[in-house]
């Protein structure tokens, strides 16, 4: 999955990790709203602000990549 986030997707992974139990993305005050717009444009978050299936898959792959190196 190729995304234009740089740093191996770390900024996007941090954004998508800020979600509630029902999948709603909650932006910390320090997060720029442009990051959320990028996630929506890439299909990782719905227009309503919920994590999509593509977003969940992105997180699963990102966690796998970081846990392999540990």
C-alpha atoms as a PDB file:
ATOM      1  CA  UNK A   1       0.000   0.000   0.000  1.00  0.00           C
ATOM      2  CA  UNK A   2       1.744   3.166  -1.184  1.00  0.00           C
ATOM      3  CA  UNK A   3       0.823   6.389   0.615  1.00  0.00           C
ATOM      4  CA  UNK A   4       2.312   9.837   0.304  1.00  0.00           C
ATOM      5  CA  UNK A   5       3.024  10.330   3.996  1.00  0.00           C
ATOM      6  CA  UNK A   6       6.802  10.068   4.211  1.00  0.00           C
ATOM      7  CA  UNK A   7       8.640   8.572   7.207  1.00  0.00           C
ATOM      8  CA  UNK A   8       7.223   5.139   6.417  1.00  0.00           C
ATOM      9  CA  UNK A   9       3.673   6.268   7.142  1.00  0.00           C
ATOM     10  CA  UNK A  10       4.367   7.231  10.749  1.00  0.00           C
ATOM     11  CA  UNK A  11       2.399  10.519  10.702  1.00  0.00           C
ATOM     12  CA  UNK A  12      -0.603   8.760   9.179  1.00  0.00           C
ATOM     13  CA  UNK A  13      -0.281   5.864  11.643  1.00  0.00           C
ATOM     14  CA  UNK A  14      -0.296   8.320  14.560  1.00  0.00           C
ATOM     15  CA  UNK A  15      -3.374  10.064  13.160  1.00  0.00           C
ATOM     16  CA  UNK A  16      -5.297   6.833  12.597  1.00  0.00           C
ATOM     17  CA  UNK A  17      -4.366   5.521  16.048  1.00  0.00           C
ATOM     18  CA  UNK A  18      -6.333   8.390  17.631  1.00  0.00           C
ATOM     19  CA  UNK A  19      -9.699   6.703  17.401  1.00  0.00           C
ATOM     20  CA  UNK A  20     -12.507   5.751  19.715  1.00  0.00           C
ATOM     21  CA  UNK A  21     -13.878   2.235  20.140  1.00  0.00           C
ATOM     22  CA  UNK A  22     -16.408   2.751  17.353  1.00  0.00           C
ATOM     23  CA  UNK A  23     -13.697   3.930  14.911  1.00  0.00           C
ATOM     24  CA  UNK A  24     -14.261   7.696  15.096  1.00  0.00           C
ATOM     25  CA  UNK A  25     -10.994   9.573  14.579  1.00  0.00           C
ATOM     26  CA  UNK A  26     -10.319  12.098  17.366  1.00  0.00           C
ATOM     27  CA  UNK A  27      -7.782  14.758  16.503  1.00  0.00           C
ATOM     28  CA  UNK A  28      -5.430  15.878  19.264  1.00  0.00           C
ATOM     29  CA  UNK A  29      -5.093  19.655  19.443  1.00  0.00           C
ATOM     30  CA  UNK A  30      -1.552  19.420  18.088  1.00  0.00           C
ATOM     31  CA  UNK A  31      -2.657  17.604  14.896  1.00  0.00           C
ATOM     32  CA  UNK A  32      -3.227  19.701  11.789  1.00  0.00           C
ATOM     33  CA  UNK A  33      -6.596  19.213  10.102  1.00  0.00           C
ATOM     34  CA  UNK A  34      -4.730  18.828   6.787  1.00  0.00           C
ATOM     35  CA  UNK A  35      -3.559  15.413   7.967  1.00  0.00           C
ATOM     36  CA  UNK A  36      -7.165  14.339   8.396  1.00  0.00           C
ATOM     37  CA  UNK A  37      -8.030  15.695   4.945  1.00  0.00           C
ATOM     38  CA  UNK A  38      -5.132  13.655   3.493  1.00  0.00           C
ATOM     39  CA  UNK A  39      -6.430  10.523   5.234  1.00  0.00           C
ATOM     40  CA  UNK A  40      -9.919  11.148   3.830  1.00  0.00           C
ATOM     41  CA  UNK A  41      -8.519  11.748   0.320  1.00  0.00           C
ATOM     42  CA  UNK A  42      -6.570   8.473   0.524  1.00  0.00           C
ATOM     43  CA  UNK A  43      -9.679   6.571   1.642  1.00  0.00           C
ATOM     44  CA  UNK A  44      -8.347   5.746   5.102  1.00  0.00           C
ATOM     45  CA  UNK A  45     -11.044   7.778   6.880  1.00  0.00           C
ATOM     46  CA  UNK A  46     -14.635   8.338   5.776  1.00  0.00           C
ATOM     47  CA  UNK A  47     -16.082  11.808   5.224  1.00  0.00           C
ATOM     48  CA  UNK A  48     -17.857  11.345   8.579  1.00  0.00           C
ATOM     49  CA  UNK A  49     -14.497  10.913  10.317  1.00  0.00           C
ATOM     50  CA  UNK A  50     -14.587   7.138  10.838  1.00  0.00           C
ATOM     51  CA  UNK A  51     -11.761   4.732  10.150  1.00  0.00           C
ATOM     52  CA  UNK A  52     -12.482   2.752   6.969  1.00  0.00           C
ATOM     53  CA  UNK A  53     -11.582  -0.838   6.141  1.00  0.00           C
ATOM     54  CA  UNK A  54      -8.642   0.503   4.130  1.00  0.00           C
ATOM     55  CA  UNK A  55      -7.551   2.511   7.193  1.00  0.00           C
ATOM     56  CA  UNK A  56      -7.737  -0.556   9.442  1.00  0.00           C
ATOM     57  CA  UNK A  57      -5.655  -2.523   6.926  1.00  0.00           C
ATOM     58  CA  UNK A  58      -3.123   0.319   6.780  1.00  0.00           C
ATOM     59  CA  UNK A  59      -2.799   0.262  10.591  1.00  0.00           C
ATOM     60  CA  UNK A  60      -2.428  -3.517  10.664  1.00  0.00           C
ATOM     61  CA  UNK A  61       0.383  -3.391   8.102  1.00  0.00           C
ATOM     62  CA  UNK A  62       2.063  -0.437   9.832  1.00  0.00           C
ATOM     63  CA  UNK A  63       2.031  -2.243  13.186  1.00  0.00           C
ATOM     64  CA  UNK A  64       3.394  -5.376  11.576  1.00  0.00           C
ATOM     65  CA  UNK A  65       6.288  -3.441  10.003  1.00  0.00           C
ATOM     66  CA  UNK A  66       7.221  -1.816  13.318  1.00  0.00           C
ATOM     67  CA  UNK A  67       6.914  -4.994  15.375  1.00  0.00           C
ATOM     68  CA  UNK A  68       9.127  -7.026  13.005  1.00  0.00           C
ATOM     69  CA  UNK A  69      12.145  -4.836  13.780  1.00  0.00           C
ATOM     70  CA  UNK A  70      11.761  -5.174  17.544  1.00  0.00           C
END
